[in-house]
Protein backbone atom coordinates (compact mmCIF):
# COMPACT_ATOMS: atom_id res chain seq x y z
CA UNK A 1 -32.32 -120.93 28.89
CA UNK A 2 -35.74 -121.32 27.23
CA UNK A 3 -36.04 -124.12 24.66
CA UNK A 4 -36.99 -122.91 21.21
CA UNK A 5 -40.07 -124.29 19.49
CA UNK A 6 -39.71 -126.39 16.36
CA UNK A 7 -40.61 -124.37 13.28
CA UNK A 8 -43.38 -126.12 11.36
CA UNK A 9 -43.81 -123.72 8.42
CA UNK A 10 -41.70 -123.67 5.27
CA UNK A 11 -39.18 -120.86 5.33
CA UNK A 12 -39.67 -118.28 2.60
CA UNK A 13 -43.04 -119.74 1.57
CA UNK A 14 -45.86 -117.22 1.15
CA UNK A 15 -48.95 -118.78 2.73
CA UNK A 16 -51.15 -116.07 1.19
CA UNK A 17 -50.37 -117.31 -2.32
CA UNK A 18 -52.80 -119.53 -4.16
CA UNK A 19 -52.21 -123.13 -3.18
CA UNK A 20 -53.66 -126.36 -1.87
CA UNK A 21 -52.95 -127.31 1.75
CA UNK A 22 -53.57 -130.40 3.86
CA UNK A 23 -53.96 -129.39 7.49
CA UNK A 24 -54.30 -131.30 10.73
CA UNK A 25 -55.07 -129.64 14.02
CA UNK A 26 -55.28 -131.63 17.25
CA UNK A 27 -57.14 -130.95 20.44
CA UNK A 28 -55.02 -129.90 23.41
CA UNK A 29 -53.20 -132.93 24.82
CA UNK A 30 -54.97 -134.96 22.10
CA UNK A 31 -58.02 -135.22 24.36
CA UNK A 32 -60.97 -136.94 22.66
CA UNK A 33 -63.38 -134.01 22.87
CA UNK A 34 -65.31 -134.18 19.61
CA UNK A 35 -67.00 -137.60 19.64
CA UNK A 36 -66.33 -141.29 19.20
CA UNK A 37 -65.70 -143.86 16.54
CA UNK A 38 -68.41 -146.48 16.94
CA UNK A 39 -69.16 -149.75 15.19
CA UNK A 40 -69.39 -153.40 15.96
CA UNK A 41 -66.76 -155.86 14.81
CA UNK A 42 -67.30 -156.74 11.19
CA UNK A 43 -69.05 -153.43 10.45
CA UNK A 44 -67.48 -150.26 9.15
CA UNK A 45 -66.72 -147.91 12.01
CA UNK A 46 -68.68 -144.67 11.99
CA UNK A 47 -67.86 -141.31 13.42
CA UNK A 48 -70.37 -140.08 15.99
CA UNK A 49 -69.83 -136.40 16.78
CA UNK A 50 -70.95 -134.87 20.06
CA UNK A 51 -71.97 -131.21 20.60
CA UNK A 52 -68.32 -130.06 20.49
CA UNK A 53 -67.67 -132.06 17.33
CA UNK A 54 -70.75 -130.52 15.71
CA UNK A 55 -69.34 -127.06 16.47
CA UNK A 56 -66.03 -127.99 14.86
CA UNK A 57 -67.79 -129.45 11.78
CA UNK A 58 -70.15 -126.47 11.45
CA UNK A 59 -67.42 -123.84 11.85
CA UNK A 60 -65.21 -125.63 9.32
CA UNK A 61 -68.09 -125.56 6.85
CA UNK A 62 -68.80 -121.87 7.49
CA UNK A 63 -65.18 -120.97 6.84
CA UNK A 64 -65.50 -120.82 3.06
CA UNK A 65 -68.59 -118.65 3.38
CA UNK A 66 -66.96 -116.01 5.61
CA UNK A 67 -63.49 -116.21 4.06
CA UNK A 68 -63.69 -115.42 0.35
CA UNK A 69 -60.09 -116.47 -0.21
CA UNK A 70 -60.61 -120.16 0.56
CA UNK A 71 -62.43 -123.15 -0.85
CA UNK A 72 -62.79 -126.29 1.24
CA UNK A 73 -62.34 -129.81 -0.07
CA UNK A 74 -62.46 -133.12 1.84
CA UNK A 75 -62.30 -132.95 5.63
CA UNK A 76 -63.09 -135.11 8.62
CA UNK A 77 -63.58 -134.32 12.29
CA UNK A 78 -62.09 -137.12 14.38
CA UNK A 79 -62.44 -137.63 18.16
CA UNK A 80 -59.37 -135.46 18.88
CA UNK A 81 -58.37 -133.79 15.62
CA UNK A 82 -59.54 -132.51 12.26
CA UNK A 83 -58.00 -133.12 8.86
CA UNK A 84 -58.89 -130.91 5.93
CA UNK A 85 -57.85 -129.79 2.47
CA UNK A 86 -57.96 -126.06 1.86
CA UNK A 87 -57.59 -124.24 -1.45
CA UNK A 88 -56.40 -120.66 -1.02
CA UNK A 89 -57.36 -118.49 -3.94
CA UNK A 90 -55.44 -115.25 -4.20
CA UNK A 91 -58.08 -112.83 -3.00
CA UNK A 92 -58.53 -109.19 -3.78
CA UNK A 93 -60.24 -106.71 -1.54
CA UNK A 94 -60.74 -106.85 2.20
CA UNK A 95 -60.97 -110.16 4.04
CA UNK A 96 -63.40 -110.53 6.95
CA UNK A 97 -60.36 -111.57 8.99
CA UNK A 98 -58.49 -108.34 8.31
CA UNK A 99 -59.23 -106.67 11.64
CA UNK A 100 -59.34 -109.78 13.81
CA UNK A 101 -56.09 -111.60 13.12
CA UNK A 102 -53.27 -111.83 15.62
CA UNK A 103 -50.21 -109.60 15.27
CA UNK A 104 -47.68 -111.24 12.96
CA UNK A 105 -50.29 -113.07 10.88
CA UNK A 106 -50.93 -111.90 7.36
CA UNK A 107 -54.56 -111.48 6.41
CA UNK A 108 -55.92 -113.97 3.89
CA UNK A 109 -53.23 -116.48 4.83
CA UNK A 110 -53.43 -120.08 5.96
CA UNK A 111 -52.32 -118.95 9.43
CA UNK A 112 -55.07 -116.33 9.63
CA UNK A 113 -57.66 -118.92 8.60
CA UNK A 114 -56.46 -121.41 11.22
CA UNK A 115 -56.32 -118.74 13.95
CA UNK A 116 -59.89 -117.66 13.19
CA UNK A 117 -61.18 -121.24 13.06
CA UNK A 118 -59.50 -122.24 16.31
CA UNK A 119 -60.63 -119.07 18.09
CA UNK A 120 -64.26 -119.39 17.02
CA UNK A 121 -64.56 -123.07 17.94
CA UNK A 122 -62.77 -122.56 21.26
CA UNK A 123 -65.11 -119.75 22.29
CA UNK A 124 -68.23 -121.76 21.44
CA UNK A 125 -67.02 -124.97 23.08
CA UNK A 126 -65.95 -123.12 26.22
CA UNK A 127 -69.38 -121.49 26.52
CA UNK A 128 -71.01 -124.94 26.57
CA UNK A 129 -68.55 -126.46 29.03
CA UNK A 130 -68.33 -123.27 31.14
CA UNK A 131 -64.54 -123.08 30.89
CA UNK A 132 -63.70 -119.57 29.62
CA UNK A 133 -60.11 -119.14 28.53
CA UNK A 134 -59.23 -122.85 28.54
CA UNK A 135 -57.49 -123.96 25.32
CA UNK A 136 -59.31 -126.50 23.16
CA UNK A 137 -56.60 -126.88 20.51
CA UNK A 138 -52.88 -127.51 20.53
CA UNK A 139 -50.91 -124.35 19.98
CA UNK A 140 -49.86 -125.14 16.44
CA UNK A 141 -51.13 -127.20 13.53
CA UNK A 142 -49.59 -129.36 10.84
CA UNK A 143 -49.77 -128.31 7.21
CA UNK A 144 -48.48 -129.79 4.00
CA UNK A 145 -48.52 -128.04 0.62
CA UNK A 146 -50.11 -130.37 -1.95
CA UNK A 147 -48.31 -129.81 -5.23
CA UNK A 148 -49.65 -132.51 -7.56
CA UNK A 149 -52.99 -134.07 -8.43
CA UNK A 150 -51.63 -137.41 -7.22
CA UNK A 151 -50.80 -135.92 -3.80
CA UNK A 152 -54.24 -134.30 -3.66
CA UNK A 153 -56.05 -137.55 -4.53
CA UNK A 154 -54.02 -139.63 -2.04
CA UNK A 155 -54.73 -137.08 0.69
CA UNK A 156 -58.44 -137.09 -0.12
CA UNK A 157 -58.44 -140.88 0.19
CA UNK A 158 -56.56 -140.68 3.51
CA UNK A 159 -59.13 -138.23 4.90
CA UNK A 160 -62.13 -140.25 3.71
CA UNK A 161 -60.71 -143.46 5.20
CA UNK A 162 -59.48 -141.92 8.45
CA UNK A 163 -62.46 -142.99 10.62
CA UNK A 164 -62.00 -146.59 9.46
CA UNK A 165 -58.34 -146.44 10.51
CA UNK A 166 -58.99 -145.07 14.02
CA UNK A 167 -57.81 -148.24 15.75
CA UNK A 168 -54.41 -147.74 14.06
CA UNK A 169 -54.32 -143.93 14.16
CA UNK A 170 -51.42 -142.44 16.09
CA UNK A 171 -53.72 -139.62 17.23
CA UNK A 172 -55.81 -142.28 19.00
CA UNK A 173 -54.69 -142.20 22.66
CA UNK A 174 -55.07 -146.00 22.84
CA UNK A 175 -52.49 -146.59 20.09
CA UNK A 176 -48.79 -146.77 20.87
CA UNK A 177 -46.63 -144.48 18.69
CA UNK A 178 -44.85 -146.02 15.73
CA UNK A 179 -42.03 -144.86 13.50
CA UNK A 180 -42.72 -141.25 12.37
CA UNK A 181 -41.24 -142.00 8.93
CA UNK A 182 -44.38 -144.07 8.19
CA UNK A 183 -46.82 -141.22 8.89
CA UNK A 184 -48.65 -139.56 6.00
CA UNK A 185 -48.47 -136.25 7.85
């Protein structure tokens, strides 16, 4: 018997409705593909993106230009994941994603945005590393609906400070997992 996958989305929630979302998407097997956190002891660590990380950053930034239904807020590309805040504005008219989304995804939804972002970055990264068809991202992504200004501001702060917390970050392959109840996401 095949094991069922854990459902990450809220049941009965319409992800095409206007809303504010915090998303995290990790590279496949949490491989550090996008760059490094560098900095000497006593100095603030800095994120140094490589060519793959630049693709991820650039495609994230382009997303609001090609997808009229979203506005981007704070985000950070980390060595093996990206965190971002996305505002979905109830759009009217045809979305550029309308003809390119996977079956089962609703156009102008959070899922359609994530599918397009992951697909575009994967294609570009795989061209550079000559690995057509190899996944770059984990199959799913984490999302959290931000419902209050306080939640939004705390999440912005978390994203901004994420590079400085890399040595403690559970996405860092050199950090041992801790109690999931203490995770922000």
